[in-house]
Amino acid sequence: MPATLGRYAFALAPLAAAALWGGMYVVSKWGFTLVPPMTLGFLRVALGAGALWLVVAGRGGPGPAREEWRTFAALGGWVTLTVATQFVGTELTNASQGSLLTVLTPVFTVALGALVLGERVTATKAAGMAVAGIGTAVVIAGQYEIASIAAGNLVGVALLLVGSAGWAGYTVWGLRAVRRHGALRAATYSSLASVPMLGVAAAVELWYVGLSPADLPVTLESAGAVLYLGLASTAAAWFLWYKGLEYVSAGTVAVFFFAQPAVGAAFGAALLGEALGSGFLAGGALMAVGIWIVSRERAASPDDSPEPAAGEA
């Protein structure tokens, strides 16, 4: 019984990650008025990777073997793709587009999990995903003008779609690294691997817009944005997301992503005084039911994700 409860509790870790991501869209959109998007993405991941590394270093133990860094370099590539397209796409789109397109991540994750890992998509899981997706759509429709979803920059829309697929790739291809090294080390090493990649992209961006690092504003607002994005939505959230993969399949973890817009709307109401849309309660209830269906099926059944062999990373 304790082991079963432990598995179920850790399966809810991705829900906590989605909660931390709930305010990320608002913070990042606001942060772009102070720091260019690629540079803000680099600062976010550099701070998050540094915080994770301090925890790993404090725990001690050997690092990954040289040949295993290829796995983390590949995961770092997925991180770089996700952050770059997500932040630039966020700057180019409006709130309704950003909320709607980012929740396509569960769809991409379930599809990749089936194709790459051979995960089973049962009728129950599909039904739960559909209910959660409908609930999230109701929440978004109640928060924003439907007409505004079709407006905006098509390049930004395309970038957000790529970002959703990128995070699905990070989730699916990270499963074996998580099962081998644990969530903390997998999140840490993949984040560290992405730092130089994002650093190059940030340097190119600053050169293109004619800024130097010394030109970036160091204010309470900019520092607060970087701290939230780095420590909460990166270090803590990425660890929690991968923590779920220690116990459940990639497709099951993915369903918790649907909670992000609802949590973001609740944060906006609590912290910014924004009004909740008419469909918030109904949509939130549907989303919760869908997540419950998928997570309950997972808690009651054996793991359907392949365990890595001893030599796999």
Protein backbone atom coordinates (compact mmCIF):
# COMPACT_ATOMS: atom_id res chain seq x y z
CA MET A 1 0.00 0.00 0.00
CA PRO A 2 2.71 2.61 0.85
CA ALA A 3 4.47 1.88 -2.44
CA THR A 4 1.23 2.35 -4.38
CA LEU A 5 0.50 5.61 -2.58
CA GLY A 6 4.04 6.77 -3.27
CA ARG A 7 3.70 6.08 -6.97
CA TYR A 8 0.39 7.92 -7.09
CA ALA A 9 1.74 10.89 -5.14
CA PHE A 10 4.75 11.29 -7.40
CA ALA A 11 2.49 10.94 -10.44
CA LEU A 12 0.94 14.23 -9.31
CA ALA A 13 4.31 16.01 -9.47
CA PRO A 14 3.62 17.13 -13.08
CA LEU A 15 0.45 18.83 -11.80
CA ALA A 16 2.64 20.95 -9.53
CA ALA A 17 4.85 21.71 -12.54
CA ALA A 18 1.82 22.85 -14.54
CA ALA A 19 0.85 25.10 -11.63
CA LEU A 20 4.30 26.72 -11.67
CA TRP A 21 4.02 27.20 -15.44
CA GLY A 22 0.59 28.79 -14.98
CA GLY A 23 2.02 32.26 -14.51
CA MET A 24 4.92 31.86 -16.92
CA TYR A 25 3.15 33.30 -19.97
CA VAL A 26 2.29 36.54 -18.17
CA VAL A 27 5.75 36.90 -16.59
CA SER A 28 7.61 36.16 -19.82
CA LYS A 29 5.39 38.46 -21.91
CA TRP A 30 5.97 41.23 -19.39
CA GLY A 31 9.69 40.42 -19.19
CA PHE A 32 10.09 40.91 -22.94
CA THR A 33 9.50 44.64 -22.42
CA LEU A 34 12.77 44.66 -20.47
CA VAL A 35 14.87 41.87 -22.00
CA PRO A 36 14.77 40.43 -25.57
CA PRO A 37 13.13 36.97 -25.71
CA MET A 38 16.14 34.78 -26.57
CA THR A 39 18.26 36.56 -23.97
CA LEU A 40 15.54 36.15 -21.36
CA GLY A 41 15.30 32.46 -22.28
CA PHE A 42 19.07 32.06 -21.86
CA LEU A 43 19.02 33.79 -18.45
CA ARG A 44 16.08 31.65 -17.40
CA VAL A 45 17.73 28.34 -18.26
CA ALA A 46 21.19 29.37 -17.02
CA LEU A 47 19.77 30.28 -13.61
CA GLY A 48 17.60 27.16 -13.47
CA ALA A 49 20.45 24.87 -14.52
CA GLY A 50 22.76 26.49 -11.96
CA ALA A 51 20.24 26.00 -9.17
CA LEU A 52 19.72 22.34 -10.10
CA TRP A 53 23.47 21.75 -10.31
CA LEU A 54 23.97 23.15 -6.80
CA VAL A 55 21.48 20.60 -5.48
CA VAL A 56 23.15 17.74 -7.37
CA ALA A 57 26.61 18.83 -6.26
CA GLY A 58 25.45 19.06 -2.67
CA ARG A 59 24.20 15.49 -2.81
CA GLY A 60 27.48 14.22 -4.22
CA GLY A 61 27.91 11.06 -6.26
CA PRO A 62 29.42 10.42 -9.67
CA GLY A 63 28.34 12.34 -12.74
CA PRO A 64 27.35 10.72 -16.05
CA ALA A 65 29.97 8.88 -18.07
CA ARG A 66 31.44 10.67 -21.07
CA GLU A 67 29.43 8.67 -23.57
CA GLU A 68 26.20 9.46 -21.68
CA TRP A 69 26.66 13.17 -22.31
CA ARG A 70 25.50 12.53 -25.86
CA THR A 71 22.09 11.69 -24.45
CA PHE A 72 22.00 14.87 -22.37
CA ALA A 73 23.29 16.95 -25.28
CA ALA A 74 20.36 15.66 -27.35
CA LEU A 75 17.93 16.51 -24.54
CA GLY A 76 19.59 19.90 -24.27
CA GLY A 77 18.81 20.36 -27.95
CA TRP A 78 15.13 19.71 -27.24
CA VAL A 79 15.28 22.24 -24.39
CA THR A 80 16.89 24.83 -26.65
CA LEU A 81 14.32 24.28 -29.39
CA THR A 82 11.46 24.55 -26.91
CA VAL A 83 12.64 27.67 -25.09
CA ALA A 84 13.68 29.50 -28.27
CA THR A 85 10.44 28.89 -30.16
CA GLN A 86 8.25 29.32 -27.08
CA PHE A 87 9.69 32.68 -26.06
CA VAL A 88 9.91 34.20 -29.54
CA GLY A 89 6.47 32.80 -30.38
CA THR A 90 5.06 34.22 -27.15
CA GLU A 91 6.35 37.68 -28.02
CA LEU A 92 4.70 37.52 -31.46
CA THR A 93 1.28 36.18 -30.39
CA ASN A 94 -1.54 37.19 -28.10
CA ALA A 95 -2.62 35.59 -24.83
CA SER A 96 -5.42 33.50 -26.34
CA GLN A 97 -3.15 32.00 -28.99
CA GLY A 98 -0.41 31.30 -26.47
CA SER A 99 -2.75 29.51 -24.07
CA LEU A 100 -4.45 27.47 -26.78
CA LEU A 101 -1.35 26.37 -28.68
CA THR A 102 0.76 25.39 -25.69
CA VAL A 103 -1.86 22.86 -24.57
CA LEU A 104 -1.28 20.94 -27.77
CA THR A 105 1.80 19.56 -25.98
CA PRO A 106 -0.17 16.63 -24.48
CA VAL A 107 -1.39 15.62 -27.94
CA PHE A 108 2.15 15.62 -29.34
CA THR A 109 3.44 13.76 -26.27
CA VAL A 110 0.86 10.98 -26.46
CA ALA A 111 1.53 10.54 -30.19
CA LEU A 112 5.31 10.44 -29.72
CA GLY A 113 4.99 8.13 -26.71
CA ALA A 114 3.08 5.66 -28.85
CA LEU A 115 5.44 5.94 -31.83
CA VAL A 116 8.79 6.07 -30.03
CA LEU A 117 8.21 4.18 -26.77
CA GLY A 118 5.37 1.89 -27.82
CA GLU A 119 3.12 3.20 -25.04
CA ARG A 120 -0.45 1.96 -25.16
CA VAL A 121 -3.18 4.51 -25.78
CA THR A 122 -6.15 2.83 -24.13
CA ALA A 123 -9.75 3.88 -24.66
CA THR A 124 -9.86 5.15 -21.07
CA LYS A 125 -6.74 7.27 -21.53
CA ALA A 126 -8.01 8.67 -24.81
CA ALA A 127 -11.36 9.53 -23.23
CA GLY A 128 -9.69 11.21 -20.25
CA MET A 129 -7.44 13.24 -22.55
CA ALA A 130 -10.45 14.31 -24.61
CA VAL A 131 -12.43 15.41 -21.53
CA ALA A 132 -9.45 17.33 -20.14
CA GLY A 133 -8.82 18.95 -23.52
CA ILE A 134 -12.45 20.05 -23.84
CA GLY A 135 -12.38 21.46 -20.33
CA THR A 136 -9.23 23.44 -21.08
CA ALA A 137 -10.76 24.78 -24.30
CA VAL A 138 -13.83 25.92 -22.33
CA VAL A 139 -11.59 27.75 -19.85
CA ILE A 140 -9.67 29.48 -22.65
CA ALA A 141 -12.86 30.40 -24.53
CA GLY A 142 -14.25 31.97 -21.36
CA GLN A 143 -11.10 33.99 -20.71
CA TYR A 144 -10.48 35.42 -24.16
CA GLU A 145 -12.33 36.74 -27.17
CA ILE A 146 -12.71 33.85 -29.59
CA ALA A 147 -12.09 36.17 -32.53
CA SER A 148 -8.68 37.11 -31.11
CA ILE A 149 -7.49 33.52 -31.41
CA ALA A 150 -7.50 33.85 -35.19
CA ALA A 151 -5.72 37.22 -35.09
CA GLY A 152 -2.02 37.76 -34.64
CA ASN A 153 1.26 36.74 -36.17
CA LEU A 154 1.25 33.47 -38.14
CA VAL A 155 5.00 33.07 -37.61
CA GLY A 156 4.43 33.26 -33.87
CA VAL A 157 1.70 30.63 -34.11
CA ALA A 158 4.03 28.32 -36.04
CA LEU A 159 6.80 28.83 -33.49
CA LEU A 160 4.48 27.97 -30.60
CA LEU A 161 3.47 24.77 -32.40
CA VAL A 162 7.15 23.85 -32.77
CA GLY A 163 7.67 24.67 -29.09
CA SER A 164 4.84 22.34 -28.08
CA ALA A 165 6.34 19.55 -30.17
CA GLY A 166 9.77 20.30 -28.72
CA TRP A 167 8.61 19.85 -25.14
CA ALA A 168 6.92 16.61 -26.15
CA GLY A 169 10.27 15.45 -27.53
CA TYR A 170 12.03 16.43 -24.30
CA THR A 171 9.46 14.43 -22.36
CA VAL A 172 9.45 11.29 -24.49
CA TRP A 173 13.17 11.01 -25.23
CA GLY A 174 13.98 11.94 -21.64
CA LEU A 175 12.13 8.97 -20.16
CA ARG A 176 15.03 6.54 -20.36
CA ALA A 177 17.47 9.10 -18.92
CA VAL A 178 15.07 9.69 -16.04
CA ARG A 179 14.67 5.97 -15.35
CA ARG A 180 18.46 5.53 -15.40
CA HIS A 181 19.69 8.64 -13.56
CA GLY A 182 16.62 9.90 -11.70
CA ALA A 183 14.59 13.03 -12.31
CA LEU A 184 16.95 15.46 -10.58
CA ARG A 185 20.09 14.49 -12.47
CA ALA A 186 18.31 14.11 -15.81
CA ALA A 187 16.78 17.59 -15.50
CA THR A 188 20.09 19.04 -14.32
CA TYR A 189 22.37 17.62 -17.00
CA SER A 190 19.95 18.29 -19.86
CA SER A 191 19.52 21.88 -18.67
CA LEU A 192 23.28 22.37 -18.38
CA ALA A 193 23.73 21.02 -21.91
CA SER A 194 21.30 23.61 -23.28
CA VAL A 195 23.01 26.62 -21.66
CA PRO A 196 25.78 27.09 -24.28
CA MET A 197 23.29 26.53 -27.12
CA LEU A 198 20.96 29.22 -25.79
CA GLY A 199 23.97 31.40 -25.01
CA VAL A 200 24.95 31.45 -28.68
CA ALA A 201 21.36 32.25 -29.70
CA ALA A 202 21.20 35.09 -27.13
CA ALA A 203 24.51 36.53 -28.35
CA VAL A 204 23.25 36.54 -31.95
CA GLU A 205 20.00 38.20 -30.84
CA LEU A 206 21.81 40.96 -28.92
CA TRP A 207 24.10 41.59 -31.89
CA TYR A 208 21.11 41.73 -34.24
CA VAL A 209 19.21 44.29 -32.13
CA GLY A 210 22.36 46.29 -31.44
CA LEU A 211 22.57 45.72 -27.70
CA SER A 212 25.35 44.58 -25.40
CA PRO A 213 24.89 42.72 -22.10
CA ALA A 214 25.70 45.98 -20.31
CA ASP A 215 22.66 47.59 -21.96
CA LEU A 216 20.21 45.20 -20.30
CA PRO A 217 18.28 46.83 -17.45
CA VAL A 218 19.04 45.53 -13.97
CA THR A 219 15.93 46.45 -12.02
CA LEU A 220 13.75 44.83 -9.42
CA GLU A 221 11.27 44.03 -12.18
CA SER A 222 13.78 42.38 -14.52
CA ALA A 223 15.44 40.52 -11.63
CA GLY A 224 12.06 39.29 -10.40
CA ALA A 225 11.11 38.03 -13.86
CA VAL A 226 14.39 36.12 -14.25
CA LEU A 227 14.15 34.68 -10.75
CA TYR A 228 10.60 33.42 -11.27
CA LEU A 229 11.35 31.99 -14.70
CA GLY A 230 14.66 30.45 -13.61
CA LEU A 231 13.87 29.04 -10.18
CA ALA A 232 10.13 28.32 -10.35
CA SER A 233 9.24 27.61 -13.98
CA THR A 234 12.59 25.99 -14.84
CA ALA A 235 14.49 24.43 -11.93
CA ALA A 236 11.48 23.36 -9.85
CA ALA A 237 9.01 22.72 -12.67
CA TRP A 238 11.38 20.73 -14.91
CA PHE A 239 12.41 18.53 -11.98
CA LEU A 240 8.76 17.93 -11.04
CA TRP A 241 7.83 17.15 -14.64
CA TYR A 242 10.61 14.58 -14.92
CA LYS A 243 9.75 13.24 -11.45
CA GLY A 244 6.46 12.05 -12.86
CA LEU A 245 8.34 10.09 -15.51
CA GLU A 246 10.02 8.04 -12.79
CA TYR A 247 6.65 6.43 -12.08
CA VAL A 248 4.30 6.80 -15.04
CA SER A 249 4.40 6.82 -18.82
CA ALA A 250 5.08 9.92 -20.92
CA GLY A 251 1.51 9.91 -22.21
CA THR A 252 0.12 9.87 -18.68
CA VAL A 253 2.37 12.69 -17.51
CA ALA A 254 1.24 14.73 -20.51
CA VAL A 255 -2.39 15.02 -19.37
CA PHE A 256 -1.38 17.24 -16.45
CA PHE A 257 -0.26 19.90 -18.93
CA PHE A 258 -3.93 20.70 -19.55
CA ALA A 259 -4.05 22.34 -16.11
CA GLN A 260 -1.66 25.14 -17.09
CA PRO A 261 -4.19 27.64 -18.56
CA ALA A 262 -6.64 27.12 -15.70
CA VAL A 263 -3.94 27.70 -13.11
CA GLY A 264 -2.74 30.75 -15.03
CA ALA A 265 -6.27 32.20 -15.05
CA ALA A 266 -6.62 31.57 -11.31
CA PHE A 267 -3.28 33.29 -10.65
CA GLY A 268 -4.35 36.24 -12.78
CA ALA A 269 -7.53 36.59 -10.74
CA ALA A 270 -5.78 36.22 -7.38
CA LEU A 271 -2.71 38.37 -8.05
CA LEU A 272 -3.77 40.81 -10.76
CA GLY A 273 -7.47 41.20 -10.04
CA GLU A 274 -8.46 39.82 -13.46
CA ALA A 275 -11.99 38.53 -13.91
CA LEU A 276 -12.46 34.80 -14.39
CA GLY A 277 -14.35 33.86 -17.53
CA SER A 278 -17.86 32.46 -17.41
CA GLY A 279 -16.63 29.01 -18.36
CA PHE A 280 -13.85 28.79 -15.76
CA LEU A 281 -15.67 26.61 -13.24
CA ALA A 282 -17.30 24.32 -15.81
CA GLY A 283 -14.12 24.01 -17.86
CA GLY A 284 -11.98 23.52 -14.76
CA ALA A 285 -14.29 20.76 -13.57
CA LEU A 286 -14.12 18.97 -16.93
CA MET A 287 -10.33 19.31 -16.95
CA ALA A 288 -10.09 17.88 -13.42
CA VAL A 289 -12.32 14.93 -14.35
CA GLY A 290 -10.21 14.17 -17.41
CA ILE A 291 -6.98 14.28 -15.42
CA TRP A 292 -8.54 12.10 -12.72
CA ILE A 293 -9.61 9.50 -15.30
CA VAL A 294 -6.13 9.22 -16.78
CA SER A 295 -4.24 9.30 -13.48
CA ARG A 296 -6.58 6.77 -11.85
CA GLU A 297 -6.16 4.36 -14.74
CA ARG A 298 -2.40 4.76 -14.38
CA ALA A 299 -2.39 4.25 -10.63
CA ALA A 300 -4.42 1.06 -10.96
CA SER A 301 -2.38 -0.57 -13.72
CA PRO A 302 1.21 -1.77 -14.14
CA ASP A 303 3.71 0.53 -15.85
CA ASP A 304 3.33 0.38 -19.61
CA SER A 305 6.59 2.17 -20.35
CA PRO A 306 9.66 0.08 -21.22
CA GLU A 307 12.36 0.02 -18.59
CA PRO A 308 15.80 0.87 -19.96
CA ALA A 309 18.45 -1.81 -20.10
CA ALA A 310 21.49 -1.44 -17.85
CA GLY A 311 23.56 0.06 -20.64
CA GLU A 312 20.96 2.53 -21.88
CA ALA A 313 20.85 6.24 -21.02
